[in-house]
PDB file of N, CA and C in Angstrom:
ATOM      1  N   MET A   1      75.479  66.141 -54.178  1.00  0.00           N
ATOM      2  CA  MET A   1      75.920  67.468 -53.779  1.00  0.00           C
ATOM      3  C   MET A   1      74.817  68.139 -52.962  1.00  0.00           C
ATOM      4  N   ASN A   2      75.165  68.652 -51.797  1.00  0.00           N
ATOM      5  CA  ASN A   2      74.202  69.322 -50.927  1.00  0.00           C
ATOM      6  C   ASN A   2      74.171  70.817 -51.208  1.00  0.00           C
ATOM      7  N   ALA A   3      72.976  71.370 -51.215  1.00  0.00           N
ATOM      8  CA  ALA A   3      72.824  72.811 -51.403  1.00  0.00           C
ATOM      9  C   ALA A   3      73.174  73.522 -50.097  1.00  0.00           C
ATOM     10  N   THR A   4      73.781  74.686 -50.216  1.00  0.00           N
ATOM     11  CA  THR A   4      74.080  75.477 -49.026  1.00  0.00           C
ATOM     12  C   THR A   4      72.805  76.130 -48.523  1.00  0.00           C
ATOM     13  N   SER A   5      72.848  76.625 -47.316  1.00  0.00           N
ATOM     14  CA  SER A   5      71.676  77.312 -46.756  1.00  0.00           C
ATOM     15  C   SER A   5      71.283  78.500 -47.619  1.00  0.00           C
ATOM     16  N   LEU A   6      72.270  79.258 -48.085  1.00  0.00           N
ATOM     17  CA  LEU A   6      71.979  80.412 -48.936  1.00  0.00           C
ATOM     18  C   LEU A   6      71.272  79.971 -50.211  1.00  0.00           C
ATOM     19  N   GLN A   7      71.732  78.902 -50.803  1.00  0.00           N
ATOM     20  CA  GLN A   7      71.087  78.396 -52.015  1.00  0.00           C
ATOM     21  C   GLN A   7      69.650  77.979 -51.731  1.00  0.00           C
ATOM     22  N   LYS A   8      69.424  77.372 -50.582  1.00  0.00           N
ATOM     23  CA  LYS A   8      68.071  76.945 -50.227  1.00  0.00           C
ATOM     24  C   LYS A   8      67.149  78.146 -50.027  1.00  0.00           C
ATOM     25  N   VAL A   9      67.674  79.217 -49.440  1.00  0.00           N
ATOM     26  CA  VAL A   9      66.878  80.439 -49.284  1.00  0.00           C
ATOM     27  C   VAL A   9      66.585  81.036 -50.655  1.00  0.00           C
ATOM     28  N   GLN A  10      67.604  81.121 -51.489  1.00  0.00           N
ATOM     29  CA  GLN A  10      67.436  81.685 -52.827  1.00  0.00           C
ATOM     30  C   GLN A  10      66.454  80.876 -53.666  1.00  0.00           C
ATOM     31  N   ASN A  11      66.438  79.576 -53.480  1.00  0.00           N
ATOM     32  CA  ASN A  11      65.521  78.707 -54.233  1.00  0.00           C
ATOM     33  C   ASN A  11      64.111  78.696 -53.655  1.00  0.00           C
ATOM     34  N   GLY A  12      63.937  79.290 -52.479  1.00  0.00           N
ATOM     35  CA  GLY A  12      62.626  79.300 -51.848  1.00  0.00           C
ATOM     36  C   GLY A  12      62.328  78.055 -51.032  1.00  0.00           C
ATOM     37  N   ASP A  13      63.344  77.224 -50.830  1.00  0.00           N
ATOM     38  CA  ASP A  13      63.153  76.009 -50.038  1.00  0.00           C
ATOM     39  C   ASP A  13      63.072  76.315 -48.541  1.00  0.00           C
ATOM     40  N   ILE A  14      63.713  77.394 -48.129  1.00  0.00           N
ATOM     41  CA  ILE A  14      63.715  77.824 -46.729  1.00  0.00           C
ATOM     42  C   ILE A  14      63.245  79.272 -46.685  1.00  0.00           C
ATOM     43  N   ASP A  15      62.350  79.585 -45.750  1.00  0.00           N
ATOM     44  CA  ASP A  15      61.884  80.958 -45.555  1.00  0.00           C
ATOM     45  C   ASP A  15      62.380  81.449 -44.195  1.00  0.00           C
ATOM     46  N   PRO A  16      63.427  82.277 -44.174  1.00  0.00           N
ATOM     47  CA  PRO A  16      63.986  82.729 -42.903  1.00  0.00           C
ATOM     48  C   PRO A  16      63.256  83.931 -42.293  1.00  0.00           C
ATOM     49  N   SER A  17      62.169  84.361 -42.898  1.00  0.00           N
ATOM     50  CA  SER A  17      61.512  85.590 -42.448  1.00  0.00           C
ATOM     51  C   SER A  17      60.961  85.497 -41.024  1.00  0.00           C
ATOM     52  N   PHE A  18      60.730  84.290 -40.520  1.00  0.00           N
ATOM     53  CA  PHE A  18      60.202  84.158 -39.163  1.00  0.00           C
ATOM     54  C   PHE A  18      61.185  84.687 -38.117  1.00  0.00           C
ATOM     55  N   VAL A  19      62.451  84.796 -38.483  1.00  0.00           N
ATOM     56  CA  VAL A  19      63.473  85.273 -37.550  1.00  0.00           C
ATOM     57  C   VAL A  19      63.435  86.795 -37.419  1.00  0.00           C
ATOM     58  N   ILE A  20      62.932  87.470 -38.441  1.00  0.00           N
ATOM     59  CA  ILE A  20      62.906  88.936 -38.445  1.00  0.00           C
ATOM     60  C   ILE A  20      61.730  89.403 -37.598  1.00  0.00           C
ATOM     61  N   THR A  21      62.058  89.934 -36.433  1.00  0.00           N
ATOM     62  CA  THR A  21      61.006  90.356 -35.512  1.00  0.00           C
ATOM     63  C   THR A  21      60.729  91.851 -35.582  1.00  0.00           C
ATOM     64  N   HIS A  22      61.667  92.624 -36.117  1.00  0.00           N
ATOM     65  CA  HIS A  22      61.526  94.075 -36.106  1.00  0.00           C
ATOM     66  C   HIS A  22      61.990  94.691 -37.431  1.00  0.00           C
ATOM     67  N   PRO A  23      61.156  94.681 -38.463  1.00  0.00           N
ATOM     68  CA  PRO A  23      61.509  95.393 -39.694  1.00  0.00           C
ATOM     69  C   PRO A  23      61.221  96.884 -39.514  1.00  0.00           C
ATOM     70  N   ALA A  24      62.084  97.733 -40.048  1.00  0.00           N
ATOM     71  CA  ALA A  24      61.885  99.178 -39.880  1.00  0.00           C
ATOM     72  C   ALA A  24      62.734  99.944 -40.878  1.00  0.00           C
ATOM     73  N   GLY A  25      62.489 101.230 -40.946  1.00  0.00           N
ATOM     74  CA  GLY A  25      63.303 102.119 -41.761  1.00  0.00           C
ATOM     75  C   GLY A  25      64.574 102.515 -41.019  1.00  0.00           C
ATOM     76  N   LEU A  26      65.513 103.083 -41.744  1.00  0.00           N
ATOM     77  CA  LEU A  26      66.789 103.470 -41.145  1.00  0.00           C
ATOM     78  C   LEU A  26      66.637 104.479 -40.014  1.00  0.00           C
ATOM     79  N   GLU A  27      65.619 105.319 -40.103  1.00  0.00           N
ATOM     80  CA  GLU A  27      65.435 106.344 -39.075  1.00  0.00           C
ATOM     81  C   GLU A  27      65.183 105.745 -37.695  1.00  0.00           C
ATOM     82  N   ALA A  28      64.733 104.512 -37.650  1.00  0.00           N
ATOM     83  CA  ALA A  28      64.475 103.840 -36.370  1.00  0.00           C
ATOM     84  C   ALA A  28      65.715 103.127 -35.835  1.00  0.00           C
ATOM     85  N   GLY A  29      66.819 103.207 -36.556  1.00  0.00           N
ATOM     86  CA  GLY A  29      68.034 102.485 -36.199  1.00  0.00           C
ATOM     87  C   GLY A  29      68.513 102.654 -34.767  1.00  0.00           C
ATOM     88  N   PRO A  30      68.701 103.883 -34.304  1.00  0.00           N
ATOM     89  CA  PRO A  30      69.214 104.045 -32.936  1.00  0.00           C
ATOM     90  C   PRO A  30      68.315 103.412 -31.870  1.00  0.00           C
ATOM     91  N   GLU A  31      67.026 103.587 -32.007  1.00  0.00           N
ATOM     92  CA  GLU A  31      66.106 103.016 -31.019  1.00  0.00           C
ATOM     93  C   GLU A  31      66.069 101.490 -31.122  1.00  0.00           C
ATOM     94  N   LEU A  32      66.075 100.977 -32.349  1.00  0.00           N
ATOM     95  CA  LEU A  32      66.047  99.523 -32.508  1.00  0.00           C
ATOM     96  C   LEU A  32      67.354  98.874 -32.067  1.00  0.00           C
ATOM     97  N   TYR A  33      68.462  99.586 -32.220  1.00  0.00           N
ATOM     98  CA  TYR A  33      69.726  99.041 -31.718  1.00  0.00           C
ATOM     99  C   TYR A  33      69.621  98.834 -30.207  1.00  0.00           C
ATOM    100  N   LYS A  34      69.075  99.819 -29.512  1.00  0.00           N
ATOM    101  CA  LYS A  34      68.900  99.710 -28.063  1.00  0.00           C
ATOM    102  C   LYS A  34      67.964  98.542 -27.728  1.00  0.00           C
ATOM    103  N   THR A  35      66.878  98.416 -28.479  1.00  0.00           N
ATOM    104  CA  THR A  35      65.931  97.322 -28.250  1.00  0.00           C
ATOM    105  C   THR A  35      66.619  95.971 -28.422  1.00  0.00           C
ATOM    106  N   PHE A  36      67.421  95.843 -29.488  1.00  0.00           N
ATOM    107  CA  PHE A  36      68.140  94.592 -29.735  1.00  0.00           C
ATOM    108  C   PHE A  36      69.184  94.341 -28.654  1.00  0.00           C
ATOM    109  N   ARG A  37      69.969  95.361 -28.360  1.00  0.00           N
ATOM    110  CA  ARG A  37      71.038  95.232 -27.361  1.00  0.00           C
ATOM    111  C   ARG A  37      70.498  94.791 -26.008  1.00  0.00           C
ATOM    112  N   ASP A  38      69.379  95.385 -25.624  1.00  0.00           N
ATOM    113  CA  ASP A  38      68.808  95.103 -24.308  1.00  0.00           C
ATOM    114  C   ASP A  38      67.841  93.917 -24.316  1.00  0.00           C
ATOM    115  N   LYS A  39      67.701  93.266 -25.468  1.00  0.00           N
ATOM    116  CA  LYS A  39      66.816  92.100 -25.623  1.00  0.00           C
ATOM    117  C   LYS A  39      65.398  92.406 -25.149  1.00  0.00           C
ATOM    118  N   GLU A  40      64.905  93.574 -25.549  1.00  0.00           N
ATOM    119  CA  GLU A  40      63.556  93.997 -25.188  1.00  0.00           C
ATOM    120  C   GLU A  40      62.565  93.608 -26.281  1.00  0.00           C
ATOM    121  N   ASP A  41      61.310  93.554 -25.938  1.00  0.00           N
ATOM    122  CA  ASP A  41      60.216  93.389 -26.894  1.00  0.00           C
ATOM    123  C   ASP A  41      60.358  92.135 -27.757  1.00  0.00           C
ATOM    124  N   GLY A  42      61.023  91.108 -27.251  1.00  0.00           N
ATOM    125  CA  GLY A  42      61.181  89.869 -28.012  1.00  0.00           C
ATOM    126  C   GLY A  42      62.026  90.023 -29.262  1.00  0.00           C
ATOM    127  N   CYS A  43      62.897  91.009 -29.273  1.00  0.00           N
ATOM    128  CA  CYS A  43      63.704  91.319 -30.455  1.00  0.00           C
ATOM    129  C   CYS A  43      64.750  90.232 -30.703  1.00  0.00           C
ATOM    130  N   ILE A  44      64.678  89.627 -31.888  1.00  0.00           N
ATOM    131  CA  ILE A  44      65.643  88.609 -32.297  1.00  0.00           C
ATOM    132  C   ILE A  44      66.505  89.133 -33.438  1.00  0.00           C
ATOM    133  N   LYS A  45      65.858  89.698 -34.448  1.00  0.00           N
ATOM    134  CA  LYS A  45      66.575  90.163 -35.633  1.00  0.00           C
ATOM    135  C   LYS A  45      65.908  91.424 -36.153  1.00  0.00           C
ATOM    136  N   VAL A  46      66.722  92.451 -36.367  1.00  0.00           N
ATOM    137  CA  VAL A  46      66.247  93.716 -36.921  1.00  0.00           C
ATOM    138  C   VAL A  46      66.687  93.790 -38.377  1.00  0.00           C
ATOM    139  N   VAL A  47      65.784  94.186 -39.246  1.00  0.00           N
ATOM    140  CA  VAL A  47      66.124  94.439 -40.646  1.00  0.00           C
ATOM    141  C   VAL A  47      65.679  95.855 -40.956  1.00  0.00           C
ATOM    142  N   MET A  48      66.645  96.683 -41.360  1.00  0.00           N
ATOM    143  CA  MET A  48      66.330  98.075 -41.678  1.00  0.00           C
ATOM    144  C   MET A  48      66.410  98.284 -43.182  1.00  0.00           C
ATOM    145  N   ARG A  49      65.432  99.003 -43.686  1.00  0.00           N
ATOM    146  CA  ARG A  49      65.376  99.305 -45.114  1.00  0.00           C
ATOM    147  C   ARG A  49      65.536 100.805 -45.297  1.00  0.00           C
ATOM    148  N   PRO A  50      66.227 101.227 -46.362  1.00  0.00           N
ATOM    149  CA  PRO A  50      66.475 102.649 -46.573  1.00  0.00           C
ATOM    150  C   PRO A  50      65.210 103.502 -46.635  1.00  0.00           C
ATOM    151  N   HIS A  51      64.138 102.945 -47.129  1.00  0.00           N
ATOM    152  CA  HIS A  51      62.914 103.733 -47.302  1.00  0.00           C
ATOM    153  C   HIS A  51      61.756 103.142 -46.513  1.00  0.00           C
ATOM    154  N   GLY A  52      62.052 102.683 -45.307  1.00  0.00           N
ATOM    155  CA  GLY A  52      61.014 102.159 -44.421  1.00  0.00           C
ATOM    156  C   GLY A  52      60.568 100.825 -44.809  1.00  0.00           C
TER     157      GLY A  52
END
């Protein structure tokens, strides 16, 4: 039986954090959306957290 990608992430076998190029708080959402949309600043994946 093969583990799914999600299971591998949950088990710590895969670390997907290298894909997250722009972590930020929710207040940065509008500006980061523009950055992502326009493919500026090497933006690949944005992760927003409620408290920064």
